[in-house]
């Protein structure tokens, strides 16, 4: 289980991790929740909240564990991500590299407008998009 998280809750065959409300120094942290559930020979990871440098450890460790538990890779739903900075993008790219080394894939199937904009500006849409799609879907209200 990732470190620095509120204890996991079981949720429809999966697990939900939530970042603590405060850092060890007492500073308030942005809301982040990550749900992981099996999806055939892949793992589905749904991220909700804000992905920034304060959340990078939780996101990285959760994605790495999901990748290790999968046979073929990880599918991401980022449609509920309100904010994502370059530290979040770096995590996605690092996990993608781990996946490729293991003969697996990391695919973004849905992205909020904030995430889609970040991927577009950094020219990483094609690296993280599913094979059968040119780009991740933007959330309808994102």
C-alpha atoms as a PDB file:
ATOM      1  CA  UNK A   1       0.000   0.000   0.000  1.00  0.00           C
ATOM      2  CA  UNK A   2       1.281   3.470  -0.771  1.00  0.00           C
ATOM      3  CA  UNK A   3       2.783   5.364   2.145  1.00  0.00           C
ATOM      4  CA  UNK A   4       1.215   8.533   3.552  1.00  0.00           C
ATOM      5  CA  UNK A   5      -2.374   7.586   2.745  1.00  0.00           C
ATOM      6  CA  UNK A   6      -5.601   7.321   4.628  1.00  0.00           C
ATOM      7  CA  UNK A   7      -6.403   3.616   5.085  1.00  0.00           C
ATOM      8  CA  UNK A   8      -7.827   2.056   1.931  1.00  0.00           C
ATOM      9  CA  UNK A   9     -11.498   1.292   1.447  1.00  0.00           C
ATOM     10  CA  UNK A  10     -12.680  -1.698  -0.551  1.00  0.00           C
ATOM     11  CA  UNK A  11     -14.852  -0.579  -3.443  1.00  0.00           C
ATOM     12  CA  UNK A  12     -16.459  -2.995  -5.936  1.00  0.00           C
ATOM     13  CA  UNK A  13     -13.515  -5.354  -6.051  1.00  0.00           C
ATOM     14  CA  UNK A  14     -11.015  -2.505  -5.999  1.00  0.00           C
ATOM     15  CA  UNK A  15      -9.286  -0.277  -3.524  1.00  0.00           C
ATOM     16  CA  UNK A  16      -9.498   3.467  -2.984  1.00  0.00           C
ATOM     17  CA  UNK A  17      -6.547   5.451  -1.625  1.00  0.00           C
ATOM     18  CA  UNK A  18      -6.868   9.020  -0.388  1.00  0.00           C
ATOM     19  CA  UNK A  19      -4.097  11.457   0.387  1.00  0.00           C
ATOM     20  CA  UNK A  20      -4.070  12.814   3.931  1.00  0.00           C
ATOM     21  CA  UNK A  21      -5.569  16.257   4.473  1.00  0.00           C
ATOM     22  CA  UNK A  22      -2.324  17.658   5.903  1.00  0.00           C
ATOM     23  CA  UNK A  23       1.390  17.207   5.257  1.00  0.00           C
ATOM     24  CA  UNK A  24       3.645  16.033   8.108  1.00  0.00           C
ATOM     25  CA  UNK A  25       4.506  19.705   8.657  1.00  0.00           C
ATOM     26  CA  UNK A  26       0.814  20.559   9.135  1.00  0.00           C
ATOM     27  CA  UNK A  27       0.304  22.304   5.784  1.00  0.00           C
ATOM     28  CA  UNK A  28      -3.061  21.544   4.127  1.00  0.00           C
ATOM     29  CA  UNK A  29      -2.799  19.296   1.062  1.00  0.00           C
ATOM     30  CA  UNK A  30      -5.041  19.321  -2.027  1.00  0.00           C
ATOM     31  CA  UNK A  31      -7.713  16.637  -2.328  1.00  0.00           C
ATOM     32  CA  UNK A  32      -6.588  13.481  -4.127  1.00  0.00           C
ATOM     33  CA  UNK A  33      -8.293  10.119  -4.305  1.00  0.00           C
ATOM     34  CA  UNK A  34      -7.210   7.144  -6.413  1.00  0.00           C
ATOM     35  CA  UNK A  35      -9.387   4.110  -7.053  1.00  0.00           C
ATOM     36  CA  UNK A  36      -7.802   0.942  -8.414  1.00  0.00           C
ATOM     37  CA  UNK A  37      -9.803  -2.029  -9.653  1.00  0.00           C
ATOM     38  CA  UNK A  38      -9.136  -5.014 -11.887  1.00  0.00           C
ATOM     39  CA  UNK A  39     -10.379  -4.811 -15.487  1.00  0.00           C
ATOM     40  CA  UNK A  40      -9.648  -8.154 -17.096  1.00  0.00           C
ATOM     41  CA  UNK A  41      -5.905  -8.511 -17.616  1.00  0.00           C
ATOM     42  CA  UNK A  42      -5.431  -4.777 -16.929  1.00  0.00           C
ATOM     43  CA  UNK A  43      -5.950  -2.503 -13.926  1.00  0.00           C
ATOM     44  CA  UNK A  44      -8.275   0.508 -14.110  1.00  0.00           C
ATOM     45  CA  UNK A  45      -7.108   3.538 -12.119  1.00  0.00           C
ATOM     46  CA  UNK A  46      -9.537   6.426 -11.564  1.00  0.00           C
ATOM     47  CA  UNK A  47      -7.954   9.607 -10.208  1.00  0.00           C
ATOM     48  CA  UNK A  48     -10.031  12.367  -8.593  1.00  0.00           C
ATOM     49  CA  UNK A  49      -8.807  15.740  -7.347  1.00  0.00           C
ATOM     50  CA  UNK A  50      -5.545  17.602  -7.793  1.00  0.00           C
ATOM     51  CA  UNK A  51      -2.291  16.062  -8.987  1.00  0.00           C
ATOM     52  CA  UNK A  52       0.684  18.178  -8.001  1.00  0.00           C
ATOM     53  CA  UNK A  53       4.062  17.808  -6.345  1.00  0.00           C
ATOM     54  CA  UNK A  54       2.406  17.159  -2.973  1.00  0.00           C
ATOM     55  CA  UNK A  55       0.538  14.176  -4.429  1.00  0.00           C
ATOM     56  CA  UNK A  56       3.313  12.711  -6.540  1.00  0.00           C
ATOM     57  CA  UNK A  57       4.375  10.000  -4.081  1.00  0.00           C
ATOM     58  CA  UNK A  58       0.833   8.655  -3.699  1.00  0.00           C
ATOM     59  CA  UNK A  59       0.180   8.689  -7.450  1.00  0.00           C
ATOM     60  CA  UNK A  60       3.514   7.098  -8.329  1.00  0.00           C
ATOM     61  CA  UNK A  61       3.334   4.317  -5.750  1.00  0.00           C
ATOM     62  CA  UNK A  62      -0.306   3.535  -6.562  1.00  0.00           C
ATOM     63  CA  UNK A  63       0.297   3.417 -10.332  1.00  0.00           C
ATOM     64  CA  UNK A  64       3.430   1.314  -9.866  1.00  0.00           C
ATOM     65  CA  UNK A  65       1.538  -1.190  -7.685  1.00  0.00           C
ATOM     66  CA  UNK A  66      -1.327  -1.343 -10.204  1.00  0.00           C
ATOM     67  CA  UNK A  67       1.154  -1.935 -13.019  1.00  0.00           C
ATOM     68  CA  UNK A  68       2.849  -4.716 -11.054  1.00  0.00           C
ATOM     69  CA  UNK A  69      -0.538  -6.419 -10.420  1.00  0.00           C
ATOM     70  CA  UNK A  70      -1.606  -6.264 -14.074  1.00  0.00           C
ATOM     71  CA  UNK A  71      -0.777  -8.701 -16.852  1.00  0.00           C
ATOM     72  CA  UNK A  72      -1.017  -6.184 -19.719  1.00  0.00           C
ATOM     73  CA  UNK A  73      -0.975  -2.719 -18.187  1.00  0.00           C
ATOM     74  CA  UNK A  74      -2.970   0.115 -16.676  1.00  0.00           C
ATOM     75  CA  UNK A  75      -5.891   2.147 -18.020  1.00  0.00           C
ATOM     76  CA  UNK A  76      -6.297   5.632 -16.562  1.00  0.00           C
ATOM     77  CA  UNK A  77      -9.439   7.682 -16.091  1.00  0.00           C
ATOM     78  CA  UNK A  78      -8.308  11.236 -15.392  1.00  0.00           C
ATOM     79  CA  UNK A  79     -11.671  12.841 -16.178  1.00  0.00           C
ATOM     80  CA  UNK A  80     -12.125  13.922 -12.540  1.00  0.00           C
ATOM     81  CA  UNK A  81      -8.712  15.582 -12.192  1.00  0.00           C
ATOM     82  CA  UNK A  82      -9.185  19.311 -11.549  1.00  0.00           C
ATOM     83  CA  UNK A  83      -5.504  20.217 -11.781  1.00  0.00           C
ATOM     84  CA  UNK A  84      -2.351  18.464 -12.978  1.00  0.00           C
ATOM     85  CA  UNK A  85       1.107  20.000 -13.048  1.00  0.00           C
ATOM     86  CA  UNK A  86       4.382  18.854 -14.562  1.00  0.00           C
ATOM     87  CA  UNK A  87       5.147  16.607 -11.569  1.00  0.00           C
ATOM     88  CA  UNK A  88       1.989  14.623 -12.382  1.00  0.00           C
ATOM     89  CA  UNK A  89       2.982  14.427 -16.038  1.00  0.00           C
ATOM     90  CA  UNK A  90       6.467  13.232 -15.074  1.00  0.00           C
ATOM     91  CA  UNK A  91       4.931  10.428 -13.022  1.00  0.00           C
ATOM     92  CA  UNK A  92       2.790   9.322 -15.953  1.00  0.00           C
ATOM     93  CA  UNK A  93       5.826   9.295 -18.236  1.00  0.00           C
ATOM     94  CA  UNK A  94       7.948   7.376 -15.695  1.00  0.00           C
ATOM     95  CA  UNK A  95       5.221   4.766 -15.182  1.00  0.00           C
ATOM     96  CA  UNK A  96       4.870   4.500 -18.976  1.00  0.00           C
ATOM     97  CA  UNK A  97       8.595   3.719 -19.187  1.00  0.00           C
ATOM     98  CA  UNK A  98       8.249   1.008 -16.502  1.00  0.00           C
ATOM     99  CA  UNK A  99       5.284  -0.424 -18.386  1.00  0.00           C
ATOM    100  CA  UNK A 100       7.178  -0.550 -21.683  1.00  0.00           C
ATOM    101  CA  UNK A 101      10.147  -2.272 -20.029  1.00  0.00           C
ATOM    102  CA  UNK A 102       7.715  -4.891 -18.675  1.00  0.00           C
ATOM    103  CA  UNK A 103       5.988  -5.339 -22.050  1.00  0.00           C
ATOM    104  CA  UNK A 104       2.876  -3.524 -20.799  1.00  0.00           C
ATOM    105  CA  UNK A 105       1.122  -0.232 -21.553  1.00  0.00           C
ATOM    106  CA  UNK A 106      -0.151   2.815 -19.680  1.00  0.00           C
ATOM    107  CA  UNK A 107      -3.165   4.325 -21.466  1.00  0.00           C
ATOM    108  CA  UNK A 108      -5.227   7.421 -20.669  1.00  0.00           C
ATOM    109  CA  UNK A 109      -8.810   6.658 -21.702  1.00  0.00           C
ATOM    110  CA  UNK A 110     -10.477   9.795 -20.337  1.00  0.00           C
ATOM    111  CA  UNK A 111      -9.012  13.152 -19.396  1.00  0.00           C
ATOM    112  CA  UNK A 112     -10.395  16.359 -17.950  1.00  0.00           C
ATOM    113  CA  UNK A 113      -9.848  19.534 -19.933  1.00  0.00           C
ATOM    114  CA  UNK A 114      -6.963  20.436 -17.574  1.00  0.00           C
ATOM    115  CA  UNK A 115      -5.180  17.135 -18.192  1.00  0.00           C
ATOM    116  CA  UNK A 116      -5.942  17.153 -21.916  1.00  0.00           C
ATOM    117  CA  UNK A 117      -4.502  20.681 -22.195  1.00  0.00           C
ATOM    118  CA  UNK A 118      -1.312  19.628 -20.352  1.00  0.00           C
ATOM    119  CA  UNK A 119      -0.852  16.588 -22.592  1.00  0.00           C
ATOM    120  CA  UNK A 120      -1.505  18.651 -25.718  1.00  0.00           C
ATOM    121  CA  UNK A 121       0.881  21.481 -24.779  1.00  0.00           C
ATOM    122  CA  UNK A 122       3.662  19.014 -23.928  1.00  0.00           C
ATOM    123  CA  UNK A 123       3.048  16.897 -27.063  1.00  0.00           C
ATOM    124  CA  UNK A 124       2.528  13.759 -24.970  1.00  0.00           C
ATOM    125  CA  UNK A 125      -1.036  12.924 -26.077  1.00  0.00           C
ATOM    126  CA  UNK A 126       0.120  10.245 -28.496  1.00  0.00           C
ATOM    127  CA  UNK A 127       2.414   8.654 -25.905  1.00  0.00           C
ATOM    128  CA  UNK A 128      -0.432   8.059 -23.464  1.00  0.00           C
ATOM    129  CA  UNK A 129      -3.453   7.642 -25.761  1.00  0.00           C
ATOM    130  CA  UNK A 130      -4.984   4.213 -26.392  1.00  0.00           C
ATOM    131  CA  UNK A 131      -3.833   2.521 -29.587  1.00  0.00           C
ATOM    132  CA  UNK A 132      -7.337   2.741 -31.095  1.00  0.00           C
ATOM    133  CA  UNK A 133      -7.687   6.482 -30.415  1.00  0.00           C
ATOM    134  CA  UNK A 134      -5.754   9.544 -31.517  1.00  0.00           C
ATOM    135  CA  UNK A 135      -6.185  11.283 -28.138  1.00  0.00           C
ATOM    136  CA  UNK A 136      -7.752  10.748 -24.737  1.00  0.00           C
ATOM    137  CA  UNK A 137     -11.392  11.786 -24.476  1.00  0.00           C
ATOM    138  CA  UNK A 138     -11.953  15.030 -22.655  1.00  0.00           C
ATOM    139  CA  UNK A 139     -14.568  14.865 -19.936  1.00  0.00           C
ATOM    140  CA  UNK A 140     -17.897  16.369 -21.034  1.00  0.00           C
ATOM    141  CA  UNK A 141     -17.943  18.940 -18.231  1.00  0.00           C
ATOM    142  CA  UNK A 142     -14.153  19.260 -17.905  1.00  0.00           C
END
